[in-house]
């Protein structure tokens, strides 16, 4: 009996074990395995937003290339054009960072180097040469430079005066050979004086000279004051240094468009005139004035240095007795060391145009 009981007990245990195993296997087959979730793909970084570039320009013939950059870059950059009445205003806005690039005359460079301190703008491309003319009334005959002796000449401040002074020297004339009538600004006063006959000739920026010629009371004599020791350099495209450092690619792209536009308008004068008319910059005198302007994107650093030297503030001198201690201190306060070439070089970055 005992042996039979044990056999029955073992058989029951075997049946229970087999049933448990069958249940486990069925459960494993019925329960789907948990799918392996692949790692989430790294989201693509959003494209950087285009920077806004505010470009300062003046209502003048040589800034025509800047007037086109907004349209040329409309699908790539956000460009805003800001018109200024004077270079001094554009320089101040550029230094503050209110605008990022601007047209600046080289007379601005001379003043900045003379003041000293860290540069608040950097020339990245040239814009123009010439654009300064000697214009004379029709009844005043000037066939060669000696004919200007004894004439009453209006001279606007800045490059018109610098160009005229160099032209006199280049042609063996003295500053005292003309009766100089100085005007503090480049604009309308000198033109008005020429129109009314208060001066016989005037050295002035374009398109003022062209205005006098187009109105019929004046002409351009054969004397070209832009043919001077400075290669006639007039203006360049300058950038805010901090913006240039942070957005060099954007500046290079804009400069590329300026170079292409300059080449186009230098080649096609009709297109140049039409662009100026579309920008409402000048009137009928544009076609006359552009003949006195060379769109040139080269940075003429040697010639710029010669101009900086020529425009240095006059150092006070004492021709008689030595000054008193108080007088010596006053002279020292307004006398600055002569600018060095390296100080001027800091205002230029030639690599922007070299890589175009």
Protein backbone atom coordinates (compact mmCIF):
# COMPACT_ATOMS: atom_id res chain seq x y z
CA UNK A 1 0.00 0.00 0.00
CA UNK A 2 2.75 2.37 0.88
CA UNK A 3 4.64 1.76 -2.36
CA UNK A 4 1.49 2.31 -4.43
CA UNK A 5 0.76 5.52 -2.52
CA UNK A 6 4.21 6.91 -3.31
CA UNK A 7 3.85 6.15 -7.03
CA UNK A 8 0.52 7.98 -7.13
CA UNK A 9 2.01 10.91 -5.29
CA UNK A 10 4.93 11.19 -7.73
CA UNK A 11 2.55 10.95 -10.70
CA UNK A 12 0.39 13.78 -9.29
CA UNK A 13 3.46 15.99 -8.74
CA UNK A 14 4.65 15.31 -12.27
CA UNK A 15 1.24 16.25 -13.68
CA UNK A 16 1.23 19.49 -11.65
CA UNK A 17 4.76 20.40 -12.79
CA UNK A 18 3.94 19.69 -16.42
CA UNK A 19 0.82 21.85 -16.21
CA UNK A 20 2.75 24.72 -14.65
CA UNK A 21 5.39 24.53 -17.39
CA UNK A 22 2.73 24.48 -20.11
CA UNK A 23 0.99 27.49 -18.57
CA UNK A 24 4.25 29.41 -18.40
CA UNK A 25 5.12 28.67 -22.00
CA UNK A 26 1.64 29.68 -23.18
CA UNK A 27 1.84 32.90 -21.25
CA UNK A 28 5.23 33.74 -22.75
CA UNK A 29 3.92 33.13 -26.26
CA UNK A 30 0.77 35.14 -25.69
CA UNK A 31 2.54 38.18 -24.20
CA UNK A 32 4.31 40.18 -26.90
CA UNK A 33 7.77 41.35 -26.09
CA UNK A 34 8.14 45.04 -25.29
CA UNK A 35 9.46 46.75 -28.41
CA UNK A 36 12.81 48.53 -28.10
CA UNK A 37 12.33 52.25 -28.52
CA UNK A 38 15.08 53.72 -30.68
CA UNK A 39 16.79 56.79 -29.27
CA UNK A 40 15.13 60.00 -30.25
CA UNK A 41 16.82 61.75 -33.15
CA UNK A 42 18.66 64.94 -32.21
CA UNK A 43 16.58 67.91 -33.32
CA UNK A 44 18.27 70.06 -35.97
CA UNK A 45 19.49 73.40 -34.64
CA UNK A 46 17.36 76.28 -35.87
CA UNK A 47 18.94 78.36 -38.60
CA UNK A 48 20.46 81.57 -37.24
CA UNK A 49 18.33 84.60 -37.77
CA UNK A 50 19.81 87.05 -40.28
CA UNK A 51 21.27 90.11 -38.66
CA UNK A 52 19.90 93.53 -39.44
CA UNK A 53 22.51 95.71 -41.12
CA UNK A 54 21.88 99.43 -41.17
CA UNK A 55 23.95 101.14 -43.85
CA UNK A 56 24.53 104.88 -43.76
CA UNK A 57 24.95 106.85 -46.96
CA UNK A 58 24.85 110.42 -48.23
CA UNK A 59 22.86 111.88 -51.11
CA UNK A 60 25.88 111.99 -53.39
CA UNK A 61 26.92 110.47 -56.69
CA UNK A 62 29.62 108.17 -55.32
CA UNK A 63 27.29 106.37 -52.89
CA UNK A 64 25.27 104.78 -55.69
CA UNK A 65 26.49 101.23 -54.92
CA UNK A 66 25.26 101.49 -51.32
CA UNK A 67 21.82 102.50 -52.54
CA UNK A 68 21.43 99.08 -54.18
CA UNK A 69 22.46 96.70 -51.39
CA UNK A 70 19.01 96.53 -49.80
CA UNK A 71 17.51 95.16 -52.99
CA UNK A 72 20.51 93.00 -53.87
CA UNK A 73 20.49 91.25 -50.49
CA UNK A 74 16.74 91.12 -49.87
CA UNK A 75 16.64 87.30 -49.97
CA UNK A 76 19.70 86.83 -47.77
CA UNK A 77 20.06 89.69 -45.30
CA UNK A 78 17.91 92.36 -43.77
CA UNK A 79 19.42 95.68 -44.84
CA UNK A 80 18.13 99.12 -43.93
CA UNK A 81 19.43 102.29 -45.58
CA UNK A 82 19.88 105.40 -43.46
CA UNK A 83 20.55 108.73 -45.17
CA UNK A 84 22.77 111.30 -43.44
CA UNK A 85 23.36 114.96 -44.34
CA UNK A 86 27.08 114.90 -43.43
CA UNK A 87 29.92 112.45 -42.94
CA UNK A 88 30.29 113.68 -39.36
CA UNK A 89 26.77 112.50 -38.55
CA UNK A 90 27.38 109.09 -40.15
CA UNK A 91 30.68 108.76 -38.26
CA UNK A 92 29.00 109.47 -34.92
CA UNK A 93 26.20 106.98 -35.58
CA UNK A 94 28.70 104.33 -36.67
CA UNK A 95 30.79 104.81 -33.55
CA UNK A 96 27.72 104.45 -31.31
CA UNK A 97 26.61 101.31 -33.11
CA UNK A 98 23.36 102.91 -34.31
CA UNK A 99 24.36 101.78 -37.81
CA UNK A 100 26.73 99.02 -38.83
CA UNK A 101 28.32 100.34 -42.04
CA UNK A 102 28.58 103.75 -43.65
CA UNK A 103 30.15 105.80 -46.39
CA UNK A 104 32.90 107.94 -44.86
CA UNK A 105 35.17 110.47 -46.53
CA UNK A 106 38.91 110.25 -45.95
CA UNK A 107 38.88 113.65 -44.31
CA UNK A 108 36.97 111.89 -41.50
CA UNK A 109 39.89 109.47 -41.19
CA UNK A 110 42.36 112.34 -40.84
CA UNK A 111 40.32 113.86 -38.03
CA UNK A 112 39.95 110.54 -36.21
CA UNK A 113 43.67 109.76 -36.34
CA UNK A 114 44.50 113.26 -35.09
CA UNK A 115 42.13 112.84 -32.12
CA UNK A 116 43.72 109.53 -31.14
CA UNK A 117 42.14 106.71 -29.18
CA UNK A 118 40.81 103.33 -30.27
CA UNK A 119 39.29 103.35 -33.78
CA UNK A 120 35.51 103.60 -33.85
CA UNK A 121 35.29 102.58 -37.50
CA UNK A 122 37.19 100.34 -39.91
CA UNK A 123 37.45 100.87 -43.66
CA UNK A 124 36.67 97.59 -45.42
CA UNK A 125 36.49 98.83 -49.03
CA UNK A 126 37.03 101.92 -51.09
CA UNK A 127 34.08 103.67 -52.72
CA UNK A 128 35.33 106.55 -54.84
CA UNK A 129 38.05 108.81 -56.16
CA UNK A 130 37.56 112.29 -57.53
CA UNK A 131 34.12 113.81 -56.93
CA UNK A 132 35.80 117.13 -56.08
CA UNK A 133 35.98 119.74 -58.81
CA UNK A 134 37.18 123.22 -59.57
CA UNK A 135 34.37 125.09 -61.29
CA UNK A 136 34.63 128.61 -62.75
CA UNK A 137 32.14 131.14 -64.01
CA UNK A 138 31.81 131.32 -67.78
CA UNK A 139 33.42 134.74 -68.05
CA UNK A 140 36.54 133.61 -66.16
CA UNK A 141 38.95 131.94 -68.58
CA UNK A 142 41.17 129.27 -67.03
CA UNK A 143 43.11 127.34 -69.65
CA UNK A 144 45.98 126.25 -67.38
CA UNK A 145 46.92 126.44 -63.73
CA UNK A 146 48.86 129.75 -63.99
CA UNK A 147 45.58 131.40 -65.11
CA UNK A 148 44.15 130.95 -61.62
CA UNK A 149 46.57 133.51 -60.16
CA UNK A 150 44.78 136.48 -58.65
CA UNK A 151 41.34 134.85 -58.91
CA UNK A 152 38.81 134.90 -56.09
CA UNK A 153 38.24 131.24 -55.29
CA UNK A 154 35.60 129.83 -52.99
CA UNK A 155 36.87 126.87 -51.00
CA UNK A 156 34.59 124.52 -49.11
CA UNK A 157 36.00 122.88 -45.99
CA UNK A 158 37.35 119.34 -46.06
CA UNK A 159 38.53 117.56 -49.18
CA UNK A 160 37.82 120.49 -51.54
CA UNK A 161 40.39 122.53 -49.65
CA UNK A 162 42.86 119.63 -49.35
CA UNK A 163 42.63 118.91 -53.08
CA UNK A 164 43.05 122.56 -54.05
CA UNK A 165 46.05 123.09 -51.76
CA UNK A 166 47.82 120.06 -53.20
CA UNK A 167 47.00 121.10 -56.77
CA UNK A 168 48.59 124.50 -56.20
CA UNK A 169 51.76 122.88 -54.87
CA UNK A 170 51.87 120.32 -57.70
CA UNK A 171 51.72 123.14 -60.26
CA UNK A 172 54.34 125.39 -58.63
CA UNK A 173 51.83 127.86 -57.23
CA UNK A 174 51.56 129.37 -53.76
CA UNK A 175 48.54 129.48 -51.49
CA UNK A 176 48.82 133.27 -51.65
CA UNK A 177 48.47 133.25 -55.45
CA UNK A 178 44.67 133.11 -55.09
CA UNK A 179 42.22 135.15 -53.09
CA UNK A 180 40.73 132.45 -50.92
CA UNK A 181 37.15 132.70 -49.67
CA UNK A 182 36.57 129.89 -47.18
CA UNK A 183 33.25 128.24 -46.48
CA UNK A 184 32.84 126.09 -43.36
CA UNK A 185 30.75 123.41 -45.07
CA UNK A 186 30.78 121.53 -48.38
CA UNK A 187 27.23 122.44 -49.30
CA UNK A 188 25.18 125.28 -50.69
CA UNK A 189 27.07 128.43 -49.50
CA UNK A 190 29.94 128.01 -51.95
CA UNK A 191 27.54 127.19 -54.77
CA UNK A 192 25.43 130.25 -53.98
CA UNK A 193 28.52 132.47 -53.95
CA UNK A 194 29.55 131.15 -57.36
CA UNK A 195 26.05 131.61 -58.75
CA UNK A 196 25.90 135.24 -57.57
CA UNK A 197 29.44 136.07 -58.73
CA UNK A 198 30.79 136.62 -55.21
CA UNK A 199 33.59 134.24 -56.21
CA UNK A 200 35.03 133.60 -59.67
CA UNK A 201 35.80 129.92 -59.16
CA UNK A 202 35.03 127.37 -56.45
CA UNK A 203 36.49 124.11 -55.25
CA UNK A 204 33.53 121.98 -54.20
CA UNK A 205 32.18 118.46 -53.96
CA UNK A 206 29.97 116.90 -56.58
CA UNK A 207 27.18 117.17 -57.52
CA UNK A 208 27.44 120.87 -56.59
CA UNK A 209 29.92 121.56 -59.37
CA UNK A 210 27.70 119.72 -61.81
CA UNK A 211 24.75 121.79 -60.64
CA UNK A 212 26.56 125.01 -61.53
CA UNK A 213 27.52 123.62 -64.94
CA UNK A 214 24.03 122.24 -65.63
CA UNK A 215 22.46 125.60 -64.74
CA UNK A 216 24.58 127.21 -67.42
CA UNK A 217 26.63 129.86 -65.62
CA UNK A 218 29.81 127.83 -64.98
CA UNK A 219 32.12 125.28 -66.58
CA UNK A 220 34.88 122.82 -65.69
CA UNK A 221 38.30 124.20 -66.68
CA UNK A 222 41.01 121.85 -67.87
CA UNK A 223 42.58 121.91 -64.44
CA UNK A 224 41.65 118.72 -62.58
CA UNK A 225 42.22 119.05 -58.85
CA UNK A 226 41.46 115.36 -58.34
CA UNK A 227 44.74 114.60 -60.14
CA UNK A 228 46.80 114.98 -57.00
CA UNK A 229 49.26 113.33 -54.63
CA UNK A 230 46.40 111.45 -52.94
CA UNK A 231 45.23 109.71 -56.15
CA UNK A 232 42.04 111.70 -55.69
CA UNK A 233 40.78 109.34 -52.96
CA UNK A 234 37.44 110.53 -51.70
CA UNK A 235 35.45 108.00 -49.69
CA UNK A 236 35.36 104.45 -48.42
CA UNK A 237 32.96 101.97 -46.86
CA UNK A 238 33.53 101.72 -43.11
CA UNK A 239 32.20 99.21 -40.58
CA UNK A 240 31.63 99.36 -36.84
CA UNK A 241 34.62 97.37 -35.46
CA UNK A 242 32.58 95.29 -33.00
CA UNK A 243 30.00 94.41 -35.65
CA UNK A 244 32.73 93.48 -38.12
CA UNK A 245 34.32 91.14 -35.60
CA UNK A 246 31.03 89.43 -34.70
CA UNK A 247 29.51 89.30 -38.22
CA UNK A 248 32.43 89.11 -40.61
CA UNK A 249 30.64 86.81 -43.04
CA UNK A 250 27.67 89.16 -43.34
CA UNK A 251 30.00 92.12 -43.97
CA UNK A 252 31.91 90.19 -46.63
CA UNK A 253 28.68 89.29 -48.38
CA UNK A 254 27.54 92.91 -48.41
CA UNK A 255 30.93 94.16 -49.62
CA UNK A 256 30.79 91.65 -52.47
CA UNK A 257 27.55 93.24 -53.65
CA UNK A 258 29.05 96.73 -53.35
CA UNK A 259 31.99 95.70 -55.51
CA UNK A 260 29.72 94.22 -58.16
CA UNK A 261 27.44 97.27 -58.19
CA UNK A 262 30.42 99.64 -58.42
CA UNK A 263 31.80 97.77 -61.43
CA UNK A 264 28.37 97.81 -63.07
CA UNK A 265 27.81 101.56 -62.72
CA UNK A 266 31.34 102.50 -63.64
CA UNK A 267 30.80 100.54 -66.85
CA UNK A 268 27.22 101.67 -67.50
CA UNK A 269 26.79 105.39 -66.82
CA UNK A 270 23.15 105.37 -67.94
CA UNK A 271 22.32 102.76 -65.30
CA UNK A 272 24.18 104.90 -62.76
CA UNK A 273 22.05 107.94 -63.57
CA UNK A 274 18.85 105.90 -63.45
CA UNK A 275 19.72 104.46 -60.04
CA UNK A 276 20.38 107.95 -58.66
CA UNK A 277 17.07 109.16 -60.05
CA UNK A 278 15.25 106.21 -58.52
CA UNK A 279 16.81 106.97 -55.16
CA UNK A 280 15.82 110.65 -55.55
CA UNK A 281 19.37 111.73 -54.87
CA UNK A 282 20.09 114.30 -57.56
CA UNK A 283 18.41 115.91 -60.50
CA UNK A 284 19.47 116.68 -64.04
CA UNK A 285 23.05 117.37 -62.94
CA UNK A 286 23.76 113.68 -62.30
CA UNK A 287 24.76 112.92 -65.88
CA UNK A 288 27.24 115.82 -65.74
CA UNK A 289 28.63 115.05 -62.30
CA UNK A 290 29.34 111.34 -62.69
CA UNK A 291 31.95 112.15 -65.30
CA UNK A 292 33.97 113.62 -62.43
CA UNK A 293 33.67 110.52 -60.22
CA UNK A 294 35.59 107.24 -60.32
CA UNK A 295 33.95 104.33 -58.50
CA UNK A 296 36.98 102.53 -57.10
CA UNK A 297 36.90 99.91 -54.33
CA UNK A 298 40.63 99.74 -53.70
CA UNK A 299 41.91 100.91 -50.32
CA UNK A 300 44.75 103.37 -51.02
CA UNK A 301 46.55 103.31 -47.68
CA UNK A 302 49.71 105.15 -48.75
CA UNK A 303 47.68 107.97 -50.25
CA UNK A 304 45.43 108.01 -47.20
CA UNK A 305 48.49 108.40 -45.00
CA UNK A 306 49.71 111.32 -47.12
CA UNK A 307 46.32 112.95 -46.62
CA UNK A 308 46.39 112.35 -42.87
CA UNK A 309 49.77 114.05 -42.70
CA UNK A 310 48.56 116.97 -44.84
CA UNK A 311 45.51 117.49 -42.65
CA UNK A 312 47.31 117.41 -39.31
CA UNK A 313 46.31 120.24 -37.00
CA UNK A 314 48.82 123.05 -37.05
CA UNK A 315 51.11 122.85 -34.04
CA UNK A 316 51.27 126.17 -32.16
CA UNK A 317 54.68 127.80 -32.31
CA UNK A 318 56.19 130.70 -30.43
CA UNK A 319 58.18 133.00 -32.65
CA UNK A 320 59.46 135.43 -30.01
CA UNK A 321 60.01 135.03 -26.27
CA UNK A 322 59.37 131.69 -24.51
CA UNK A 323 55.88 131.45 -23.01
CA UNK A 324 55.09 131.73 -19.35
CA UNK A 325 54.55 128.48 -17.43
CA UNK A 326 50.80 128.96 -17.79
CA UNK A 327 51.17 129.62 -21.50
CA UNK A 328 53.39 126.56 -21.95
CA UNK A 329 50.80 124.41 -20.19
CA UNK A 330 48.06 125.75 -22.47
CA UNK A 331 50.10 124.98 -25.58
CA UNK A 332 50.87 121.48 -24.30
CA UNK A 333 47.16 120.87 -23.69
CA UNK A 334 46.25 121.47 -27.32
CA UNK A 335 49.39 120.01 -28.91
CA UNK A 336 49.24 116.28 -29.58
CA UNK A 337 52.00 113.97 -30.76
CA UNK A 338 52.17 113.53 -34.50
CA UNK A 339 50.17 110.48 -35.53
CA UNK A 340 52.17 107.43 -36.50
CA UNK A 341 51.47 105.30 -39.55
CA UNK A 342 50.46 102.33 -37.40
CA UNK A 343 47.76 104.41 -35.77
CA UNK A 344 46.20 105.04 -39.17
CA UNK A 345 46.61 101.43 -40.30
CA UNK A 346 44.35 100.35 -37.43
CA UNK A 347 41.45 101.97 -39.31
CA UNK A 348 41.79 99.56 -42.26
CA UNK A 349 40.98 95.92 -42.88
CA UNK A 350 42.08 95.10 -46.41
CA UNK A 351 41.34 91.37 -46.08
CA UNK A 352 37.61 91.89 -46.69
CA UNK A 353 38.14 92.98 -50.30
CA UNK A 354 41.14 90.72 -50.87
CA UNK A 355 38.92 87.66 -50.37
CA UNK A 356 36.30 88.76 -52.90
